[in-house]
PDB file of N, CA and C in Angstrom:
ATOM      1  N   MET A   1     122.460 150.464-156.391  1.00  0.00           N
ATOM      2  CA  MET A   1     121.985 151.853-156.285  1.00  0.00           C
ATOM      3  C   MET A   1     120.486 151.928-156.872  1.00  0.00           C
ATOM      4  N   LYS A   2     119.679 152.574-156.178  1.00  0.00           N
ATOM      5  CA  LYS A   2     118.305 152.700-156.584  1.00  0.00           C
ATOM      6  C   LYS A   2     118.116 153.790-157.634  1.00  0.00           C
ATOM      7  N   ASN A   3     117.216 153.567-158.634  1.00  0.00           N
ATOM      8  CA  ASN A   3     116.939 154.484-159.731  1.00  0.00           C
ATOM      9  C   ASN A   3     115.694 155.277-159.326  1.00  0.00           C
ATOM     10  N   VAL A   4     115.746 156.507-159.394  1.00  0.00           N
ATOM     11  CA  VAL A   4     114.644 157.393-159.065  1.00  0.00           C
ATOM     12  C   VAL A   4     114.339 158.394-160.102  1.00  0.00           C
ATOM     13  N   ALA A   5     113.154 158.492-160.643  1.00  0.00           N
ATOM     14  CA  ALA A   5     112.722 159.466-161.582  1.00  0.00           C
ATOM     15  C   ALA A   5     112.194 160.660-160.813  1.00  0.00           C
ATOM     16  N   VAL A   6     112.712 161.932-161.307  1.00  0.00           N
ATOM     17  CA  VAL A   6     112.233 163.096-160.598  1.00  0.00           C
ATOM     18  C   VAL A   6     111.632 164.099-161.662  1.00  0.00           C
ATOM     19  N   GLU A   7     110.422 164.439-161.435  1.00  0.00           N
ATOM     20  CA  GLU A   7     109.739 165.303-162.440  1.00  0.00           C
ATOM     21  C   GLU A   7     110.596 166.622-162.590  1.00  0.00           C
ATOM     22  N   LYS A   8     110.592 167.083-163.906  1.00  0.00           N
ATOM     23  CA  LYS A   8     111.118 168.443-164.076  1.00  0.00           C
ATOM     24  C   LYS A   8     110.536 169.506-163.237  1.00  0.00           C
ATOM     25  N   GLY A   9     111.367 170.374-162.798  1.00  0.00           N
ATOM     26  CA  GLY A   9     110.845 171.471-161.952  1.00  0.00           C
ATOM     27  C   GLY A   9     111.253 171.258-160.436  1.00  0.00           C
ATOM     28  N   LEU A  10     111.851 170.091-160.166  1.00  0.00           N
ATOM     29  CA  LEU A  10     112.242 169.701-158.860  1.00  0.00           C
ATOM     30  C   LEU A  10     113.706 169.600-158.703  1.00  0.00           C
ATOM     31  N   SER A  11     114.377 170.513-159.325  1.00  0.00           N
ATOM     32  CA  SER A  11     115.909 170.387-159.250  1.00  0.00           C
ATOM     33  C   SER A  11     116.560 170.406-157.863  1.00  0.00           C
ATOM     34  N   PRO A  12     116.008 171.161-156.928  1.00  0.00           N
ATOM     35  CA  PRO A  12     116.613 171.080-155.571  1.00  0.00           C
ATOM     36  C   PRO A  12     116.496 169.630-154.980  1.00  0.00           C
ATOM     37  N   ILE A  13     115.411 168.982-155.223  1.00  0.00           N
ATOM     38  CA  ILE A  13     115.184 167.572-154.824  1.00  0.00           C
ATOM     39  C   ILE A  13     115.985 166.650-155.581  1.00  0.00           C
ATOM     40  N   ARG A  14     116.101 166.899-156.956  1.00  0.00           N
ATOM     41  CA  ARG A  14     116.988 166.086-157.772  1.00  0.00           C
ATOM     42  C   ARG A  14     118.393 166.079-157.287  1.00  0.00           C
ATOM     43  N   ASP A  15     118.853 167.258-157.035  1.00  0.00           N
ATOM     44  CA  ASP A  15     120.332 167.367-156.605  1.00  0.00           C
ATOM     45  C   ASP A  15     120.600 166.792-155.244  1.00  0.00           C
ATOM     46  N   TYR A  16     119.599 166.972-154.428  1.00  0.00           N
ATOM     47  CA  TYR A  16     119.738 166.518-153.023  1.00  0.00           C
ATOM     48  C   TYR A  16     119.778 164.881-153.048  1.00  0.00           C
ATOM     49  N   LEU A  17     118.920 164.231-153.827  1.00  0.00           N
ATOM     50  CA  LEU A  17     118.890 162.827-153.899  1.00  0.00           C
ATOM     51  C   LEU A  17     120.152 162.215-154.617  1.00  0.00           C
ATOM     52  N   LYS A  18     120.640 163.020-155.574  1.00  0.00           N
ATOM     53  CA  LYS A  18     121.935 162.601-156.144  1.00  0.00           C
ATOM     54  C   LYS A  18     123.028 162.589-155.098  1.00  0.00           C
ATOM     55  N   ASP A  19     123.098 163.658-154.350  1.00  0.00           N
ATOM     56  CA  ASP A  19     124.093 163.863-153.265  1.00  0.00           C
ATOM     57  C   ASP A  19     124.013 162.670-152.210  1.00  0.00           C
ATOM     58  N   ALA A  20     122.836 162.222-152.000  1.00  0.00           N
ATOM     59  CA  ALA A  20     122.456 161.136-151.054  1.00  0.00           C
ATOM     60  C   ALA A  20     122.840 159.793-151.579  1.00  0.00           C
ATOM     61  N   GLY A  21     123.191 159.721-152.874  1.00  0.00           N
ATOM     62  CA  GLY A  21     123.562 158.429-153.392  1.00  0.00           C
ATOM     63  C   GLY A  21     122.545 157.714-154.345  1.00  0.00           C
ATOM     64  N   TYR A  22     121.442 158.378-154.630  1.00  0.00           N
ATOM     65  CA  TYR A  22     120.458 157.756-155.532  1.00  0.00           C
ATOM     66  C   TYR A  22     120.902 158.116-156.962  1.00  0.00           C
ATOM     67  N   ARG A  23     120.586 157.195-157.835  1.00  0.00           N
ATOM     68  CA  ARG A  23     120.711 157.401-159.258  1.00  0.00           C
ATOM     69  C   ARG A  23     119.448 158.088-159.784  1.00  0.00           C
ATOM     70  N   VAL A  24     119.550 159.356-160.196  1.00  0.00           N
ATOM     71  CA  VAL A  24     118.373 160.182-160.430  1.00  0.00           C
ATOM     72  C   VAL A  24     118.272 160.656-161.816  1.00  0.00           C
ATOM     73  N   TYR A  25     117.168 160.508-162.374  1.00  0.00           N
ATOM     74  CA  TYR A  25     116.830 160.888-163.835  1.00  0.00           C
ATOM     75  C   TYR A  25     115.648 161.845-163.821  1.00  0.00           C
ATOM     76  N   GLU A  26     115.871 162.964-164.530  1.00  0.00           N
ATOM     77  CA  GLU A  26     114.799 163.990-164.656  1.00  0.00           C
ATOM     78  C   GLU A  26     113.839 163.579-165.747  1.00  0.00           C
ATOM     79  N   VAL A  27     112.587 163.560-165.518  1.00  0.00           N
ATOM     80  CA  VAL A  27     111.606 163.221-166.483  1.00  0.00           C
ATOM     81  C   VAL A  27     110.579 164.290-166.600  1.00  0.00           C
ATOM     82  N   ASP A  28     109.861 164.312-167.746  1.00  0.00           N
ATOM     83  CA  ASP A  28     108.846 165.309-167.873  1.00  0.00           C
ATOM     84  C   ASP A  28     107.420 164.672-167.773  1.00  0.00           C
ATOM     85  N   SER A  29     106.420 165.403-167.697  1.00  0.00           N
ATOM     86  CA  SER A  29     105.142 164.985-167.400  1.00  0.00           C
ATOM     87  C   SER A  29     104.636 163.895-168.524  1.00  0.00           C
ATOM     88  N   ARG A  30     105.046 164.046-169.753  1.00  0.00           N
ATOM     89  CA  ARG A  30     104.728 163.144-170.770  1.00  0.00           C
ATOM     90  C   ARG A  30     105.165 161.777-170.523  1.00  0.00           C
ATOM     91  N   GLN A  31     106.345 161.673-170.002  1.00  0.00           N
ATOM     92  CA  GLN A  31     107.053 160.421-169.666  1.00  0.00           C
ATOM     93  C   GLN A  31     106.389 159.713-168.500  1.00  0.00           C
ATOM     94  N   LEU A  32     105.786 160.443-167.644  1.00  0.00           N
ATOM     95  CA  LEU A  32     105.098 159.886-166.555  1.00  0.00           C
ATOM     96  C   LEU A  32     103.857 159.143-166.961  1.00  0.00           C
ATOM     97  N   ASP A  33     103.286 159.488-168.161  1.00  0.00           N
ATOM     98  CA  ASP A  33     102.152 158.748-168.673  1.00  0.00           C
ATOM     99  C   ASP A  33     102.475 157.416-169.290  1.00  0.00           C
ATOM    100  N   ASN A  34     103.857 157.097-169.415  1.00  0.00           N
ATOM    101  CA  ASN A  34     104.263 155.912-170.060  1.00  0.00           C
ATOM    102  C   ASN A  34     104.624 154.888-168.991  1.00  0.00           C
ATOM    103  N   LYS A  35     103.723 153.884-168.697  1.00  0.00           N
ATOM    104  CA  LYS A  35     103.895 152.973-167.650  1.00  0.00           C
ATOM    105  C   LYS A  35     105.134 152.088-167.851  1.00  0.00           C
ATOM    106  N   ASP A  36     105.458 151.706-169.171  1.00  0.00           N
ATOM    107  CA  ASP A  36     106.534 150.847-169.484  1.00  0.00           C
ATOM    108  C   ASP A  36     107.835 151.636-169.059  1.00  0.00           C
ATOM    109  N   PHE A  37     107.899 152.881-169.425  1.00  0.00           N
ATOM    110  CA  PHE A  37     109.115 153.738-169.104  1.00  0.00           C
ATOM    111  C   PHE A  37     109.260 153.886-167.590  1.00  0.00           C
ATOM    112  N   ILE A  38     108.186 154.154-166.924  1.00  0.00           N
ATOM    113  CA  ILE A  38     108.242 154.305-165.391  1.00  0.00           C
ATOM    114  C   ILE A  38     108.477 153.047-164.646  1.00  0.00           C
ATOM    115  N   ASP A  39     108.143 151.902-165.188  1.00  0.00           N
ATOM    116  CA  ASP A  39     108.421 150.648-164.478  1.00  0.00           C
ATOM    117  C   ASP A  39     109.885 150.388-164.395  1.00  0.00           C
ATOM    118  N   GLY A  40     110.798 151.096-165.122  1.00  0.00           N
ATOM    119  CA  GLY A  40     112.181 150.982-165.036  1.00  0.00           C
ATOM    120  C   GLY A  40     112.801 151.634-163.768  1.00  0.00           C
ATOM    121  N   PHE A  41     112.029 152.261-163.004  1.00  0.00           N
ATOM    122  CA  PHE A  41     112.439 153.037-161.857  1.00  0.00           C
ATOM    123  C   PHE A  41     111.980 152.304-160.590  1.00  0.00           C
ATOM    124  N   ASP A  42     112.664 152.618-159.368  1.00  0.00           N
ATOM    125  CA  ASP A  42     112.240 152.166-158.114  1.00  0.00           C
ATOM    126  C   ASP A  42     111.233 153.028-157.556  1.00  0.00           C
ATOM    127  N   ALA A  43     111.400 154.334-157.880  1.00  0.00           N
ATOM    128  CA  ALA A  43     110.532 155.276-157.255  1.00  0.00           C
ATOM    129  C   ALA A  43     110.310 156.535-158.260  1.00  0.00           C
ATOM    130  N   VAL A  44     109.223 157.302-158.091  1.00  0.00           N
ATOM    131  CA  VAL A  44     109.121 158.494-158.986  1.00  0.00           C
ATOM    132  C   VAL A  44     108.718 159.590-157.931  1.00  0.00           C
ATOM    133  N   VAL A  45     109.252 160.680-158.098  1.00  0.00           N
ATOM    134  CA  VAL A  45     109.007 161.903-157.404  1.00  0.00           C
ATOM    135  C   VAL A  45     108.339 162.902-158.256  1.00  0.00           C
ATOM    136  N   ILE A  46     107.101 163.272-157.986  1.00  0.00           N
ATOM    137  CA  ILE A  46     106.311 164.148-158.749  1.00  0.00           C
ATOM    138  C   ILE A  46     106.022 165.479-158.068  1.00  0.00           C
ATOM    139  N   THR A  47     105.793 166.553-158.798  1.00  0.00           N
ATOM    140  CA  THR A  47     105.395 167.875-158.186  1.00  0.00           C
ATOM    141  C   THR A  47     104.114 167.803-157.463  1.00  0.00           C
ATOM    142  N   GLY A  48     103.158 167.051-157.980  1.00  0.00           N
ATOM    143  CA  GLY A  48     101.891 166.953-157.347  1.00  0.00           C
ATOM    144  C   GLY A  48     100.998 168.092-157.728  1.00  0.00           C
ATOM    145  N   SER A  49     101.491 168.981-158.636  1.00  0.00           N
ATOM    146  CA  SER A  49     100.666 170.047-159.040  1.00  0.00           C
ATOM    147  C   SER A  49      99.756 169.717-160.213  1.00  0.00           C
ATOM    148  N   GLY A  50      99.977 168.569-160.922  1.00  0.00           N
ATOM    149  CA  GLY A  50      99.111 168.239-161.911  1.00  0.00           C
ATOM    150  C   GLY A  50      97.707 167.669-161.500  1.00  0.00           C
ATOM    151  N   ASP A  51      96.825 167.664-162.472  1.00  0.00           N
ATOM    152  CA  ASP A  51      95.513 167.278-162.064  1.00  0.00           C
ATOM    153  C   ASP A  51      95.333 165.728-161.986  1.00  0.00           C
ATOM    154  N   ASN A  52      96.301 164.991-162.458  1.00  0.00           N
ATOM    155  CA  ASN A  52      96.162 163.543-162.517  1.00  0.00           C
ATOM    156  C   ASN A  52      97.095 162.755-161.628  1.00  0.00           C
ATOM    157  N   VAL A  53      97.340 163.313-160.414  1.00  0.00           N
ATOM    158  CA  VAL A  53      98.253 162.617-159.476  1.00  0.00           C
ATOM    159  C   VAL A  53      97.731 161.246-159.148  1.00  0.00           C
ATOM    160  N   MET A  54      96.394 161.119-158.824  1.00  0.00           N
ATOM    161  CA  MET A  54      95.954 159.765-158.625  1.00  0.00           C
ATOM    162  C   MET A  54      96.000 158.850-159.711  1.00  0.00           C
ATOM    163  N   GLY A  55      95.881 159.389-160.972  1.00  0.00           N
ATOM    164  CA  GLY A  55      95.912 158.513-162.130  1.00  0.00           C
ATOM    165  C   GLY A  55      97.337 158.025-162.267  1.00  0.00           C
ATOM    166  N   ILE A  56      98.311 158.781-161.999  1.00  0.00           N
ATOM    167  CA  ILE A  56      99.795 158.379-162.079  1.00  0.00           C
ATOM    168  C   ILE A  56      99.971 157.359-161.041  1.00  0.00           C
ATOM    169  N   GLN A  57      99.444 157.481-159.788  1.00  0.00           N
ATOM    170  CA  GLN A  57      99.664 156.510-158.818  1.00  0.00           C
ATOM    171  C   GLN A  57      99.061 155.249-159.056  1.00  0.00           C
ATOM    172  N   LYS A  58      97.894 155.186-159.690  1.00  0.00           N
ATOM    173  CA  LYS A  58      97.223 153.978-160.002  1.00  0.00           C
ATOM    174  C   LYS A  58      97.880 153.234-161.113  1.00  0.00           C
ATOM    175  N   ALA A  59      98.400 154.039-162.091  1.00  0.00           N
ATOM    176  CA  ALA A  59      99.040 153.359-163.170  1.00  0.00           C
ATOM    177  C   ALA A  59     100.472 152.782-162.878  1.00  0.00           C
ATOM    178  N   LEU A  60     101.032 153.321-161.841  1.00  0.00           N
ATOM    179  CA  LEU A  60     102.368 152.813-161.529  1.00  0.00           C
ATOM    180  C   LEU A  60     102.412 151.762-160.240  1.00  0.00           C
ATOM    181  N   SER A  61     101.732 150.628-160.546  1.00  0.00           N
ATOM    182  CA  SER A  61     101.479 149.676-159.508  1.00  0.00           C
ATOM    183  C   SER A  61     102.790 149.236-158.702  1.00  0.00           C
ATOM    184  N   LYS A  62     103.803 149.010-159.472  1.00  0.00           N
ATOM    185  CA  LYS A  62     104.956 148.535-158.814  1.00  0.00           C
ATOM    186  C   LYS A  62     106.031 149.539-158.501  1.00  0.00           C
ATOM    187  N   THR A  63     105.770 150.798-158.885  1.00  0.00           N
ATOM    188  CA  THR A  63     106.708 151.889-158.753  1.00  0.00           C
ATOM    189  C   THR A  63     106.237 152.803-157.610  1.00  0.00           C
ATOM    190  N   ALA A  64     106.995 153.028-156.666  1.00  0.00           N
ATOM    191  CA  ALA A  64     106.590 153.909-155.545  1.00  0.00           C
ATOM    192  C   ALA A  64     106.435 155.337-156.097  1.00  0.00           C
ATOM    193  N   VAL A  65     105.412 156.153-155.659  1.00  0.00           N
ATOM    194  CA  VAL A  65     105.237 157.493-156.147  1.00  0.00           C
ATOM    195  C   VAL A  65     105.251 158.377-154.887  1.00  0.00           C
ATOM    196  N   ILE A  66     106.023 159.422-154.909  1.00  0.00           N
ATOM    197  CA  ILE A  66     106.163 160.347-153.797  1.00  0.00           C
ATOM    198  C   ILE A  66     105.769 161.712-154.302  1.00  0.00           C
ATOM    199  N   GLU A  67     104.774 162.370-153.790  1.00  0.00           N
ATOM    200  CA  GLU A  67     104.406 163.707-154.069  1.00  0.00           C
ATOM    201  C   GLU A  67     105.221 164.665-153.323  1.00  0.00           C
ATOM    202  N   ALA A  68     105.970 165.547-154.056  1.00  0.00           N
ATOM    203  CA  ALA A  68     106.904 166.434-153.408  1.00  0.00           C
ATOM    204  C   ALA A  68     106.300 167.793-152.899  1.00  0.00           C
ATOM    205  N   ARG A  69     105.135 168.087-153.352  1.00  0.00           N
ATOM    206  CA  ARG A  69     104.418 169.352-152.968  1.00  0.00           C
ATOM    207  C   ARG A  69     104.424 169.524-151.365  1.00  0.00           C
ATOM    208  N   GLY A  70     105.007 170.644-150.948  1.00  0.00           N
ATOM    209  CA  GLY A  70     104.951 170.906-149.631  1.00  0.00           C
ATOM    210  C   GLY A  70     106.014 170.176-148.767  1.00  0.00           C
ATOM    211  N   LYS A  71     106.846 169.487-149.446  1.00  0.00           N
ATOM    212  CA  LYS A  71     107.955 168.636-148.676  1.00  0.00           C
ATOM    213  C   LYS A  71     109.278 169.304-148.966  1.00  0.00           C
ATOM    214  N   THR A  72     110.200 169.242-148.042  1.00  0.00           N
ATOM    215  CA  THR A  72     111.626 169.691-148.254  1.00  0.00           C
ATOM    216  C   THR A  72     112.319 168.482-148.876  1.00  0.00           C
ATOM    217  N   PRO A  73     113.468 168.822-149.525  1.00  0.00           N
ATOM    218  CA  PRO A  73     114.195 167.706-150.038  1.00  0.00           C
ATOM    219  C   PRO A  73     114.577 166.609-149.038  1.00  0.00           C
ATOM    220  N   ASP A  74     114.866 166.998-147.769  1.00  0.00           N
ATOM    221  CA  ASP A  74     115.189 166.013-146.745  1.00  0.00           C
ATOM    222  C   ASP A  74     113.912 165.195-146.419  1.00  0.00           C
ATOM    223  N   GLU A  75     112.696 165.707-146.410  1.00  0.00           N
ATOM    224  CA  GLU A  75     111.514 164.993-146.162  1.00  0.00           C
ATOM    225  C   GLU A  75     111.275 163.908-147.324  1.00  0.00           C
ATOM    226  N   VAL A  76     111.580 164.301-148.570  1.00  0.00           N
ATOM    227  CA  VAL A  76     111.436 163.417-149.698  1.00  0.00           C
ATOM    228  C   VAL A  76     112.462 162.270-149.571  1.00  0.00           C
ATOM    229  N   LEU A  77     113.616 162.662-149.230  1.00  0.00           N
ATOM    230  CA  LEU A  77     114.720 161.587-149.031  1.00  0.00           C
ATOM    231  C   LEU A  77     114.298 160.613-147.955  1.00  0.00           C
ATOM    232  N   SER A  78     113.829 161.231-146.850  1.00  0.00           N
ATOM    233  CA  SER A  78     113.384 160.331-145.728  1.00  0.00           C
ATOM    234  C   SER A  78     112.392 159.361-146.089  1.00  0.00           C
ATOM    235  N   ARG A  79     111.350 159.827-146.930  1.00  0.00           N
ATOM    236  CA  ARG A  79     110.297 158.984-147.463  1.00  0.00           C
ATOM    237  C   ARG A  79     110.751 157.887-148.357  1.00  0.00           C
ATOM    238  N   LEU A  80     111.705 158.264-149.287  1.00  0.00           N
ATOM    239  CA  LEU A  80     112.373 157.388-150.204  1.00  0.00           C
ATOM    240  C   LEU A  80     113.070 156.202-149.413  1.00  0.00           C
ATOM    241  N   ASP A  81     113.817 156.660-148.410  1.00  0.00           N
ATOM    242  CA  ASP A  81     114.580 155.617-147.643  1.00  0.00           C
ATOM    243  C   ASP A  81     113.662 154.748-146.916  1.00  0.00           C
ATOM    244  N   GLN A  82     112.464 155.229-146.480  1.00  0.00           N
ATOM    245  CA  GLN A  82     111.546 154.315-145.806  1.00  0.00           C
ATOM    246  C   GLN A  82     111.060 153.298-146.867  1.00  0.00           C
ATOM    247  N   ILE A  83     110.612 153.774-147.950  1.00  0.00           N
ATOM    248  CA  ILE A  83     110.078 152.893-148.998  1.00  0.00           C
ATOM    249  C   ILE A  83     110.958 151.933-149.623  1.00  0.00           C
ATOM    250  N   LEU A  84     112.186 152.433-149.954  1.00  0.00           N
ATOM    251  CA  LEU A  84     113.009 151.581-150.807  1.00  0.00           C
ATOM    252  C   LEU A  84     114.063 150.742-149.928  1.00  0.00           C
ATOM    253  N   LYS A  85     114.227 151.011-148.661  1.00  0.00           N
ATOM    254  CA  LYS A  85     115.159 150.207-147.901  1.00  0.00           C
ATOM    255  C   LYS A  85     114.488 149.164-147.139  1.00  0.00           C
ATOM    256  N   HIS A  86     113.211 149.028-147.284  1.00  0.00           N
ATOM    257  CA  HIS A  86     112.480 147.892-146.609  1.00  0.00           C
ATOM    258  C   HIS A  86     112.284 146.689-147.502  1.00  0.00           C
TER     259      HIS A  86
END
């Protein structure tokens, strides 16, 4: 089972991914700044509303980052499936 960190404030996406079989952990923005913490996940779903989205993506070299802004839970799931099942 894949481990996915979901930023707080994305509870519909968090619940949708859990129902789809992902192991989901809710994290806050401070935790997203900790590369060692985030490296324990296969992917991170972020709100994308922060100013440092590109900074997060650069810091997480081995962890896939999906920006949820403007996406439905199904679109996020579809993107996760594309990234993690290949």
